[in-house]
Amino acid sequence: MNIYVGNLPFKATDEEIKQLFEAHGTVASAVIIKDKFSQASKGFGFVDMPDAAQAQTAIAALNGKDFNGRPLRVNEARPKEDRAPRTGGHSHEGGM
């Protein structure tokens, strides 16, 4: 199960997040999303736990838990196609 982890401290590392979730089961991967230019943390990431029961236990245990002074937001990640489309930006079509 892919798990969204939000409200992360900007100094948190992939390894710290992995260890946090490993207390609740097997973790296949843990990745904090970074800005592609500055490589600074965006304050959220994803953890992949292959066992759904362990993942649900981790979500229940860690959602709202204080991690380095910040309450974590933890829930099952939505597939990309379920997210609302981004708006804003300018269309390059049309014109004069």
C-alpha atoms as a PDB file:
ATOM      1  CA  MET A   1       0.000   0.000   0.000  1.00  0.00           C
ATOM      2  CA  ASN A   2       1.279   3.452  -0.880  1.00  0.00           C
ATOM      3  CA  ILE A   3       0.977   5.859   2.065  1.00  0.00           C
ATOM      4  CA  TYR A   4       1.045   9.656   1.919  1.00  0.00           C
ATOM      5  CA  VAL A   5       2.992  11.330   4.737  1.00  0.00           C
ATOM      6  CA  GLY A   6       2.504  15.087   5.047  1.00  0.00           C
ATOM      7  CA  ASN A   7       3.549  17.937   7.322  1.00  0.00           C
ATOM      8  CA  LEU A   8       7.085  16.570   7.536  1.00  0.00           C
ATOM      9  CA  PRO A   9       9.830  18.707   9.043  1.00  0.00           C
ATOM     10  CA  PHE A  10      11.980  20.019   6.185  1.00  0.00           C
ATOM     11  CA  LYS A  11      15.120  18.430   7.702  1.00  0.00           C
ATOM     12  CA  ALA A  12      13.588  14.932   7.860  1.00  0.00           C
ATOM     13  CA  THR A  13      15.368  12.226   5.855  1.00  0.00           C
ATOM     14  CA  ASP A  14      14.100   9.237   3.896  1.00  0.00           C
ATOM     15  CA  GLU A  15      15.808   6.943   6.414  1.00  0.00           C
ATOM     16  CA  GLU A  16      14.094   8.608   9.417  1.00  0.00           C
ATOM     17  CA  ILE A  17      10.690   8.163   7.797  1.00  0.00           C
ATOM     18  CA  LYS A  18      11.485   4.549   6.917  1.00  0.00           C
ATOM     19  CA  GLN A  19      12.477   3.801  10.515  1.00  0.00           C
ATOM     20  CA  LEU A  20       9.320   5.464  11.830  1.00  0.00           C
ATOM     21  CA  PHE A  21       7.130   3.189   9.697  1.00  0.00           C
ATOM     22  CA  GLU A  22       9.249   0.047  10.229  1.00  0.00           C
ATOM     23  CA  ALA A  23       8.069   0.039  13.832  1.00  0.00           C
ATOM     24  CA  HIS A  24       4.719  -1.069  12.379  1.00  0.00           C
ATOM     25  CA  GLY A  25       5.833  -3.523   9.688  1.00  0.00           C
ATOM     26  CA  THR A  26       7.821  -4.071   6.510  1.00  0.00           C
ATOM     27  CA  VAL A  27       8.674  -0.972   4.486  1.00  0.00           C
ATOM     28  CA  ALA A  28       9.571  -1.438   0.812  1.00  0.00           C
ATOM     29  CA  SER A  29      10.506   2.215   0.312  1.00  0.00           C
ATOM     30  CA  ALA A  30      10.268   5.660   1.895  1.00  0.00           C
ATOM     31  CA  VAL A  31      10.836   8.796  -0.165  1.00  0.00           C
ATOM     32  CA  ILE A  32      10.540  12.462   0.735  1.00  0.00           C
ATOM     33  CA  ILE A  33       9.586  14.552  -2.291  1.00  0.00           C
ATOM     34  CA  LYS A  34      12.125  17.248  -3.118  1.00  0.00           C
ATOM     35  CA  ASP A  35      12.100  20.308  -5.346  1.00  0.00           C
ATOM     36  CA  LYS A  36      13.696  19.309  -8.639  1.00  0.00           C
ATOM     37  CA  PHE A  37      15.841  22.443  -8.802  1.00  0.00           C
ATOM     38  CA  SER A  38      16.864  23.221  -5.222  1.00  0.00           C
ATOM     39  CA  GLN A  39      16.584  19.648  -3.860  1.00  0.00           C
ATOM     40  CA  ALA A  40      14.872  21.116  -0.770  1.00  0.00           C
ATOM     41  CA  SER A  41      12.191  18.989   0.884  1.00  0.00           C
ATOM     42  CA  LYS A  42       8.620  19.835  -0.069  1.00  0.00           C
ATOM     43  CA  GLY A  43       7.434  18.654   3.369  1.00  0.00           C
ATOM     44  CA  PHE A  44       5.725  15.463   2.239  1.00  0.00           C
ATOM     45  CA  GLY A  45       6.585  12.026   0.983  1.00  0.00           C
ATOM     46  CA  PHE A  46       5.409   8.489   0.362  1.00  0.00           C
ATOM     47  CA  VAL A  47       5.994   5.191   2.120  1.00  0.00           C
ATOM     48  CA  ASP A  48       5.302   1.857   0.431  1.00  0.00           C
ATOM     49  CA  MET A  49       4.309  -0.996   2.745  1.00  0.00           C
ATOM     50  CA  PRO A  50       3.556  -4.306   0.960  1.00  0.00           C
ATOM     51  CA  ASP A  51       1.291  -5.675   3.733  1.00  0.00           C
ATOM     52  CA  ALA A  52      -2.062  -3.816   3.790  1.00  0.00           C
ATOM     53  CA  ALA A  53      -2.805  -4.749   7.423  1.00  0.00           C
ATOM     54  CA  GLN A  54       0.575  -3.416   8.578  1.00  0.00           C
ATOM     55  CA  ALA A  55       0.029  -0.279   6.502  1.00  0.00           C
ATOM     56  CA  GLN A  56      -3.366   0.361   8.119  1.00  0.00           C
ATOM     57  CA  THR A  57      -1.797  -0.118  11.561  1.00  0.00           C
ATOM     58  CA  ALA A  58       0.945   2.376  10.699  1.00  0.00           C
ATOM     59  CA  ILE A  59      -1.585   4.916   9.391  1.00  0.00           C
ATOM     60  CA  ALA A  60      -3.684   4.637  12.562  1.00  0.00           C
ATOM     61  CA  ALA A  61      -0.623   4.891  14.828  1.00  0.00           C
ATOM     62  CA  LEU A  62       1.184   7.718  13.038  1.00  0.00           C
ATOM     63  CA  ASN A  63      -1.569  10.060  11.801  1.00  0.00           C
ATOM     64  CA  GLY A  64      -1.400  13.123  14.076  1.00  0.00           C
ATOM     65  CA  LYS A  65       1.741  11.837  15.857  1.00  0.00           C
ATOM     66  CA  ASP A  66       4.298  14.487  16.739  1.00  0.00           C
ATOM     67  CA  PHE A  67       7.470  14.069  14.682  1.00  0.00           C
ATOM     68  CA  ASN A  68      10.214  16.598  15.466  1.00  0.00           C
ATOM     69  CA  GLY A  69       7.643  19.163  16.580  1.00  0.00           C
ATOM     70  CA  ARG A  70       5.128  18.684  13.746  1.00  0.00           C
ATOM     71  CA  PRO A  71       1.949  16.573  13.752  1.00  0.00           C
ATOM     72  CA  LEU A  72       2.158  14.152  10.826  1.00  0.00           C
ATOM     73  CA  ARG A  73      -0.661  13.762   8.301  1.00  0.00           C
ATOM     74  CA  VAL A  74      -0.725  10.119   7.271  1.00  0.00           C
ATOM     75  CA  ASN A  75      -3.258   8.420   4.997  1.00  0.00           C
ATOM     76  CA  GLU A  76      -3.538   6.064   2.071  1.00  0.00           C
ATOM     77  CA  ALA A  77      -2.163   7.782  -1.014  1.00  0.00           C
ATOM     78  CA  ARG A  78      -4.653   8.399  -3.803  1.00  0.00           C
ATOM     79  CA  PRO A  79      -3.711   7.211  -7.278  1.00  0.00           C
ATOM     80  CA  LYS A  80      -2.602  10.022  -9.585  1.00  0.00           C
ATOM     81  CA  GLU A  81      -5.737   9.750 -11.719  1.00  0.00           C
ATOM     82  CA  ASP A  82      -7.951  10.490  -8.676  1.00  0.00           C
ATOM     83  CA  ARG A  83      -6.343  13.874  -8.032  1.00  0.00           C
ATOM     84  CA  ALA A  84      -8.010  17.042  -9.190  1.00  0.00           C
ATOM     85  CA  PRO A  85      -6.373  18.594 -12.246  1.00  0.00           C
ATOM     86  CA  ARG A  86      -4.113  21.554 -11.660  1.00  0.00           C
ATOM     87  CA  THR A  87      -5.471  24.898 -12.708  1.00  0.00           C
ATOM     88  CA  GLY A  88      -3.900  28.246 -13.086  1.00  0.00           C
ATOM     89  CA  GLY A  89      -1.249  28.690 -15.788  1.00  0.00           C
ATOM     90  CA  HIS A  90      -1.810  30.155 -19.174  1.00  0.00           C
ATOM     91  CA  SER A  91      -2.879  28.414 -22.306  1.00  0.00           C
ATOM     92  CA  HIS A  92      -0.623  28.781 -25.282  1.00  0.00           C
ATOM     93  CA  GLU A  93      -3.466  28.078 -27.660  1.00  0.00           C
ATOM     94  CA  GLY A  94      -5.667  30.649 -29.250  1.00  0.00           C
ATOM     95  CA  GLY A  95      -4.288  34.065 -29.741  1.00  0.00           C
ATOM     96  CA  MET A  96      -4.982  36.698 -32.322  1.00  0.00           C
END
